[in-house]
Protein backbone atom coordinates (compact mmCIF):
# COMPACT_ATOMS: atom_id res chain seq x y z
CA UNK A 1 40.58 8.97 -4.21
CA UNK A 2 43.05 10.16 -6.99
CA UNK A 3 41.50 9.81 -10.53
CA UNK A 4 45.01 8.89 -12.08
CA UNK A 5 48.01 7.17 -10.66
CA UNK A 6 51.24 5.79 -11.79
CA UNK A 7 52.08 2.14 -11.27
CA UNK A 8 55.02 0.08 -11.63
CA UNK A 9 56.05 -3.62 -12.06
CA UNK A 10 58.44 -6.02 -13.75
CA UNK A 11 55.58 -6.59 -16.51
CA UNK A 12 52.82 -4.60 -17.80
CA UNK A 13 50.06 -7.23 -16.32
CA UNK A 14 52.03 -6.82 -12.89
CA UNK A 15 51.97 -2.92 -13.16
CA UNK A 16 48.31 -2.96 -13.97
CA UNK A 17 47.30 -5.24 -11.12
CA UNK A 18 49.14 -3.24 -8.54
CA UNK A 19 47.53 -0.15 -9.83
CA UNK A 20 43.94 -1.70 -9.64
CA UNK A 21 44.63 -2.78 -5.99
CA UNK A 22 45.72 0.74 -5.23
CA UNK A 23 42.34 2.10 -6.65
CA UNK A 24 40.43 -0.70 -5.47
CA UNK A 25 38.41 -0.99 -8.70
CA UNK A 26 38.04 -3.65 -11.49
CA UNK A 27 39.99 -3.12 -14.92
CA UNK A 28 36.77 -2.32 -16.39
CA UNK A 29 36.63 1.11 -14.33
CA UNK A 30 39.90 2.47 -15.78
CA UNK A 31 41.69 3.68 -18.68
CA UNK A 32 45.35 2.23 -18.98
CA UNK A 33 48.07 3.67 -20.75
CA UNK A 34 51.57 2.05 -20.82
CA UNK A 35 54.21 4.56 -20.24
CA UNK A 36 57.19 2.29 -20.30
CA UNK A 37 57.17 -1.16 -21.96
CA UNK A 38 59.54 -3.94 -21.08
CA UNK A 39 60.18 -4.71 -24.72
CA UNK A 40 61.63 -1.27 -25.39
CA UNK A 41 64.75 -1.75 -23.83
CA UNK A 42 68.09 -0.34 -25.08
CA UNK A 43 71.42 -2.24 -25.23
CA UNK A 44 72.72 -0.11 -22.30
CA UNK A 45 69.74 -0.67 -19.90
CA UNK A 46 70.04 -4.72 -20.37
CA UNK A 47 71.72 -4.92 -16.92
CA UNK A 48 69.40 -2.50 -15.20
CA UNK A 49 66.14 -4.00 -13.23
CA UNK A 50 63.18 -4.37 -15.67
CA UNK A 51 60.39 -1.63 -14.70
CA UNK A 52 57.44 -1.13 -16.60
CA UNK A 53 55.33 1.98 -15.68
CA UNK A 54 51.62 2.45 -16.63
CA UNK A 55 49.08 5.26 -16.08
CA UNK A 56 45.86 4.27 -14.76
CA UNK A 57 42.78 6.85 -14.97
CA UNK A 58 39.52 6.30 -13.36
CA UNK A 59 36.55 6.26 -15.91
CA UNK A 60 34.05 8.96 -15.45
CA UNK A 61 30.79 7.51 -14.11
CA UNK A 62 27.81 8.21 -16.00
CA UNK A 63 25.03 10.03 -14.05
CA UNK A 64 22.09 7.60 -13.24
CA UNK A 65 18.88 8.90 -14.49
CA UNK A 66 16.46 9.46 -11.62
CA UNK A 67 13.28 7.54 -12.08
CA UNK A 68 10.37 9.33 -11.04
CA UNK A 69 8.24 7.51 -8.79
CA UNK A 70 4.50 8.13 -9.19
CA UNK A 71 2.31 7.57 -6.35
CA UNK A 72 -0.02 4.48 -7.18
CA UNK A 73 -3.65 5.80 -8.18
CA UNK A 74 -6.07 4.86 -5.59
CA UNK A 75 -9.13 3.10 -7.09
CA UNK A 76 -12.52 5.01 -6.41
CA UNK A 77 -15.62 3.10 -5.90
CA UNK A 78 -18.93 4.38 -7.04
CA UNK A 79 -21.75 4.58 -4.54
CA UNK A 80 -23.11 1.46 -5.80
CA UNK A 81 -20.08 -0.53 -5.26
CA UNK A 82 -19.76 0.91 -1.85
CA UNK A 83 -23.00 -0.09 -0.96
CA UNK A 84 -22.36 -3.71 -2.53
CA UNK A 85 -19.05 -4.03 -0.44
CA UNK A 86 -20.65 -2.90 2.88
CA UNK A 87 -23.57 -5.48 2.40
CA UNK A 88 -20.83 -8.13 1.71
CA UNK A 89 -18.76 -7.42 4.62
CA UNK A 90 -21.96 -7.15 6.96
CA UNK A 91 -23.47 -10.32 6.14
CA UNK A 92 -19.98 -12.01 6.58
CA UNK A 93 -19.53 -10.20 10.22
CA UNK A 94 -23.07 -11.11 11.38
CA UNK A 95 -22.46 -14.73 10.79
CA UNK A 96 -18.98 -14.53 12.18
CA UNK A 97 -20.29 -12.82 15.33
CA UNK A 98 -21.78 -16.30 16.66
CA UNK A 99 -18.16 -17.32 17.15
CA UNK A 100 -16.97 -14.02 18.99
CA UNK A 101 -17.43 -13.14 22.55
CA UNK A 102 -20.71 -11.68 23.38
CA UNK A 103 -21.29 -8.03 22.85
CA UNK A 104 -18.68 -7.70 20.25
CA UNK A 105 -19.54 -4.79 18.13
CA UNK A 106 -18.39 -3.44 14.70
CA UNK A 107 -18.91 -0.39 12.61
CA UNK A 108 -18.39 -0.14 8.84
CA UNK A 109 -17.40 3.33 7.37
CA UNK A 110 -17.53 3.72 3.39
CA UNK A 111 -15.05 6.22 1.61
CA UNK A 112 -14.57 6.29 -2.18
CA UNK A 113 -11.17 4.72 -1.95
CA UNK A 114 -11.62 2.11 1.03
CA UNK A 115 -14.19 0.21 3.27
CA UNK A 116 -12.94 1.12 7.15
CA UNK A 117 -14.04 -1.59 9.49
CA UNK A 118 -13.58 -1.33 13.35
CA UNK A 119 -14.21 -4.07 15.57
CA UNK A 120 -14.86 -3.62 19.40
CA UNK A 121 -14.31 -5.88 22.30
CA UNK A 122 -11.46 -6.20 24.87
CA UNK A 123 -11.13 -9.88 24.38
CA UNK A 124 -10.13 -10.17 20.75
CA UNK A 125 -6.40 -10.35 21.26
CA UNK A 126 -6.35 -13.56 19.49
CA UNK A 127 -7.66 -11.85 16.11
CA UNK A 128 -4.93 -9.31 16.29
CA UNK A 129 -2.16 -11.82 17.00
CA UNK A 130 1.79 -11.28 17.10
CA UNK A 131 2.13 -7.75 16.07
CA UNK A 132 -0.95 -7.51 14.20
CA UNK A 133 -0.01 -10.54 11.91
CA UNK A 134 -3.70 -12.21 12.44
CA UNK A 135 -5.63 -8.91 12.08
CA UNK A 136 -3.71 -8.13 8.54
CA UNK A 137 -4.55 -11.70 7.46
CA UNK A 138 -8.12 -11.12 8.55
CA UNK A 139 -8.13 -7.76 6.58
CA UNK A 140 -7.11 -9.63 3.58
CA UNK A 141 -9.98 -12.03 3.87
CA UNK A 142 -12.46 -9.12 4.42
CA UNK A 143 -11.04 -7.71 1.15
CA UNK A 144 -11.93 -10.69 -0.75
CA UNK A 145 -15.39 -10.70 0.90
CA UNK A 146 -16.18 -7.01 0.07
CA UNK A 147 -14.94 -7.46 -3.46
CA UNK A 148 -17.37 -10.37 -4.39
CA UNK A 149 -19.42 -9.37 -7.30
CA UNK A 150 -17.56 -6.14 -7.98
CA UNK A 151 -15.11 -5.68 -10.69
CA UNK A 152 -13.04 -3.25 -9.04
CA UNK A 153 -10.45 -4.17 -6.15
CA UNK A 154 -11.98 -3.15 -2.84
CA UNK A 155 -9.61 -1.77 -0.24
CA UNK A 156 -10.52 -2.69 3.47
CA UNK A 157 -8.90 -1.19 6.36
CA UNK A 158 -9.41 -3.13 9.59
CA UNK A 159 -8.75 -1.94 12.99
CA UNK A 160 -9.56 -3.91 16.31
CA UNK A 161 -10.02 -2.34 19.45
CA UNK A 162 -7.83 0.62 18.49
CA UNK A 163 -4.67 -1.67 17.91
CA UNK A 164 -3.46 0.22 14.85
CA UNK A 165 -3.03 3.80 16.59
CA UNK A 166 -1.48 2.13 19.88
CA UNK A 167 0.86 0.28 17.55
CA UNK A 168 1.68 3.28 15.61
CA UNK A 169 2.55 5.19 18.69
CA UNK A 170 4.86 2.52 19.85
CA UNK A 171 6.74 2.32 16.51
CA UNK A 172 7.18 6.25 16.60
CA UNK A 173 8.37 5.98 20.26
CA UNK A 174 10.93 3.17 18.90
CA UNK A 175 12.05 5.14 15.99
CA UNK A 176 12.96 8.38 18.09
CA UNK A 177 14.91 5.91 20.75
CA UNK A 178 16.74 4.40 17.99
CA UNK A 179 17.53 7.61 16.21
CA UNK A 180 18.99 8.88 19.53
CA UNK A 181 21.13 5.85 19.95
CA UNK A 182 22.38 6.36 16.16
CA UNK A 183 23.39 10.13 16.76
CA UNK A 184 25.03 9.34 20.17
CA UNK A 185 27.19 6.14 18.92
CA UNK A 186 27.32 7.39 15.29
CA UNK A 187 26.61 3.70 14.28
CA UNK A 188 23.88 2.22 12.05
CA UNK A 189 21.18 0.10 13.95
CA UNK A 190 19.22 -2.63 12.26
CA UNK A 191 15.84 -3.42 13.47
CA UNK A 192 14.44 -6.75 13.53
CA UNK A 193 11.97 -7.79 10.61
CA UNK A 194 8.76 -5.77 10.26
CA UNK A 195 5.65 -5.77 7.92
CA UNK A 196 5.98 -3.15 5.23
CA UNK A 197 3.33 -1.11 6.91
CA UNK A 198 5.33 -0.75 10.00
CA UNK A 199 8.57 -0.06 8.19
CA UNK A 200 6.51 2.77 6.48
CA UNK A 201 5.56 4.22 9.81
CA UNK A 202 9.00 4.46 11.24
CA UNK A 203 10.47 5.57 7.88
CA UNK A 204 7.88 8.39 7.49
CA UNK A 205 8.42 9.32 11.10
CA UNK A 206 12.00 9.87 10.82
CA UNK A 207 12.11 11.41 7.56
CA UNK A 208 11.52 14.78 9.91
CA UNK A 209 14.78 13.96 11.51
CA UNK A 210 17.62 15.69 9.69
CA UNK A 211 20.43 13.85 11.38
CA UNK A 212 19.25 10.11 10.19
CA UNK A 213 18.13 8.23 7.37
CA UNK A 214 16.33 4.82 6.76
CA UNK A 215 16.86 2.04 4.24
CA UNK A 216 15.11 -1.41 4.05
CA UNK A 217 17.31 -4.40 3.41
CA UNK A 218 16.44 -8.04 2.78
CA UNK A 219 13.53 -10.10 1.38
CA UNK A 220 10.24 -10.61 2.72
CA UNK A 221 9.31 -11.76 5.28
CA UNK A 222 12.63 -10.85 6.73
CA UNK A 223 12.86 -7.38 5.35
CA UNK A 224 14.55 -5.02 7.87
CA UNK A 225 14.80 -1.34 8.50
CA UNK A 226 18.35 0.31 8.93
CA UNK A 227 18.86 3.61 10.60
CA UNK A 228 21.91 5.46 10.06
CA UNK A 229 23.65 8.89 10.30
CA UNK A 230 23.00 11.11 6.98
CA UNK A 231 26.13 11.34 4.91
């Protein structure tokens, strides 16, 4: 786009409006200089068509400061807090096992930054739900249970029958398929609404592809990922 143009009109306002339409910018984005004013007309030009010329120059955009996004510091639990969290979860799951299929098993793995829980039984699909919605709701409940009597927030990571690994594999395969479509058609593809953790898996996976890029649009819970060609 040209940075400076000359626009004409019967009045100053008309000349400015024409110029703004040509540049496709609002008035606040340009410097305006009147080159020929309709009021300054000589006696000999009185019969000539009235023309006003204005010069419109695009204003220089100030570079936006890039805000450094610092990763959130993970809360580290003391050994005492880890033990307390494990005890809280074990008590809760033991009571819950009465309502679960026979032979349901679980394991709890403690780390400084999270408590990892794996539950095993092939008939627990109802605890996973549609695309993991029930699983993540249950994970939130377990996080609240784990943190009882602990000042720090306890991060709980729950998996049921290896669902998360399977879902991650499916999402990566979807990401590759969509990327190929975008590259072939040169058109962006908008995916259906996903939870934040699913969008993050696709976004991270496609960062390795130097031909496409991803961006999230919309508001939760209908936030979507758009995959498009890199500019």
